[in-house]
Amino acid sequence: MTETRVQGDCLIDMVIGIGINTNQKDIPEEIEGVASSIEKEFGIKVDNERIIAEFCNLLERKIFERMS
């Protein structure tokens, strides 16, 4: 998911979002072909706070590696 703001030929800003389906057992029929969840695929419950923290830590490391 992205949202951008452009002025003429210039990109002013961009917001990029992601979604991670974790503990959903039932996926709506209309998106079943393109979406799933960790629990549905692997049969495990996810600690949402931990997965967010781990994701943010990894993203931060990758950003700083690129900046170095």
C-alpha atoms as a PDB file:
ATOM      1  CA  MET A   1       0.000   0.000   0.000  1.00  0.00           C
ATOM      2  CA  THR A   2       1.440   3.345  -0.963  1.00  0.00           C
ATOM      3  CA  GLU A   3       0.369   6.933  -0.925  1.00  0.00           C
ATOM      4  CA  THR A   4       2.343   9.601  -2.747  1.00  0.00           C
ATOM      5  CA  ARG A   5       2.214  13.339  -3.132  1.00  0.00           C
ATOM      6  CA  VAL A   6       3.570  14.763  -6.373  1.00  0.00           C
ATOM      7  CA  GLN A   7       3.999  18.359  -7.436  1.00  0.00           C
ATOM      8  CA  GLY A   8       4.622  18.673 -11.178  1.00  0.00           C
ATOM      9  CA  ASP A   9       7.389  16.178 -11.956  1.00  0.00           C
ATOM     10  CA  CYS A  10       8.649  16.127  -8.348  1.00  0.00           C
ATOM     11  CA  LEU A  11       7.882  13.505  -5.733  1.00  0.00           C
ATOM     12  CA  ILE A  12       7.130  15.417  -2.539  1.00  0.00           C
ATOM     13  CA  ASP A  13       6.622  12.477  -0.181  1.00  0.00           C
ATOM     14  CA  MET A  14       5.648   8.837  -0.103  1.00  0.00           C
ATOM     15  CA  VAL A  15       4.155   6.656   2.605  1.00  0.00           C
ATOM     16  CA  ILE A  16       4.586   2.907   2.243  1.00  0.00           C
ATOM     17  CA  GLY A  17       2.578   0.497   4.379  1.00  0.00           C
ATOM     18  CA  ILE A  18       2.495  -3.262   4.716  1.00  0.00           C
ATOM     19  CA  GLY A  19       0.124  -5.694   6.309  1.00  0.00           C
ATOM     20  CA  ILE A  20       0.999  -9.008   7.908  1.00  0.00           C
ATOM     21  CA  ASN A  21      -1.894 -11.347   8.632  1.00  0.00           C
ATOM     22  CA  THR A  22      -0.850 -13.281  11.691  1.00  0.00           C
ATOM     23  CA  ASN A  23      -3.517 -15.125  13.658  1.00  0.00           C
ATOM     24  CA  GLN A  24      -6.481 -15.140  11.278  1.00  0.00           C
ATOM     25  CA  LYS A  25      -8.007 -18.571  10.788  1.00  0.00           C
ATOM     26  CA  ASP A  26     -10.692 -17.470   8.364  1.00  0.00           C
ATOM     27  CA  ILE A  27      -9.795 -15.433   5.295  1.00  0.00           C
ATOM     28  CA  PRO A  28     -12.700 -13.799   3.429  1.00  0.00           C
ATOM     29  CA  GLU A  29     -13.600 -15.712   0.274  1.00  0.00           C
ATOM     30  CA  GLU A  30     -13.061 -12.723  -2.007  1.00  0.00           C
ATOM     31  CA  ILE A  31      -9.350 -12.468  -1.082  1.00  0.00           C
ATOM     32  CA  GLU A  32      -8.535 -16.114  -0.346  1.00  0.00           C
ATOM     33  CA  GLY A  33      -6.570 -16.409  -3.595  1.00  0.00           C
ATOM     34  CA  VAL A  34      -4.221 -13.560  -2.708  1.00  0.00           C
ATOM     35  CA  ALA A  35      -4.113 -13.522   1.099  1.00  0.00           C
ATOM     36  CA  SER A  36      -3.463 -15.911   3.946  1.00  0.00           C
ATOM     37  CA  SER A  37      -2.045 -15.773   7.467  1.00  0.00           C
ATOM     38  CA  ILE A  38       0.844 -17.251   9.389  1.00  0.00           C
ATOM     39  CA  GLU A  39      -1.524 -19.298  11.543  1.00  0.00           C
ATOM     40  CA  LYS A  40      -3.457 -20.619   8.561  1.00  0.00           C
ATOM     41  CA  GLU A  41      -0.314 -21.569   6.622  1.00  0.00           C
ATOM     42  CA  PHE A  42       1.854 -22.919   9.457  1.00  0.00           C
ATOM     43  CA  GLY A  43      -0.597 -23.676  12.267  1.00  0.00           C
ATOM     44  CA  ILE A  44       1.206 -21.483  14.804  1.00  0.00           C
ATOM     45  CA  LYS A  45       0.023 -18.533  16.886  1.00  0.00           C
ATOM     46  CA  VAL A  46       2.144 -15.413  16.559  1.00  0.00           C
ATOM     47  CA  ASP A  47       3.031 -12.937  19.291  1.00  0.00           C
ATOM     48  CA  ASN A  48       2.063  -9.756  17.418  1.00  0.00           C
ATOM     49  CA  GLU A  49       4.197  -7.442  19.573  1.00  0.00           C
ATOM     50  CA  ARG A  50       7.261  -9.597  18.977  1.00  0.00           C
ATOM     51  CA  ILE A  51       6.784  -9.848  15.212  1.00  0.00           C
ATOM     52  CA  ILE A  52       6.388  -6.054  14.981  1.00  0.00           C
ATOM     53  CA  ALA A  53       9.520  -5.486  17.077  1.00  0.00           C
ATOM     54  CA  GLU A  54      11.565  -8.008  15.056  1.00  0.00           C
ATOM     55  CA  PHE A  55      10.383  -6.523  11.760  1.00  0.00           C
ATOM     56  CA  CYS A  56      11.194  -2.962  12.854  1.00  0.00           C
ATOM     57  CA  ASN A  57      14.647  -3.992  14.125  1.00  0.00           C
ATOM     58  CA  LEU A  58      15.462  -5.729  10.833  1.00  0.00           C
ATOM     59  CA  LEU A  59      14.172  -2.813   8.763  1.00  0.00           C
ATOM     60  CA  GLU A  60      16.202  -0.344  10.822  1.00  0.00           C
ATOM     61  CA  ARG A  61      19.387  -2.424  10.378  1.00  0.00           C
ATOM     62  CA  LYS A  62      18.836  -2.618   6.613  1.00  0.00           C
ATOM     63  CA  ILE A  63      18.256   1.134   6.351  1.00  0.00           C
ATOM     64  CA  PHE A  64      21.428   1.917   8.311  1.00  0.00           C
ATOM     65  CA  GLU A  65      23.445  -0.552   6.202  1.00  0.00           C
ATOM     66  CA  ARG A  66      22.319   1.317   3.070  1.00  0.00           C
ATOM     67  CA  MET A  67      23.246   4.661   4.594  1.00  0.00           C
ATOM     68  CA  SER A  68      26.772   3.551   5.538  1.00  0.00           C
END
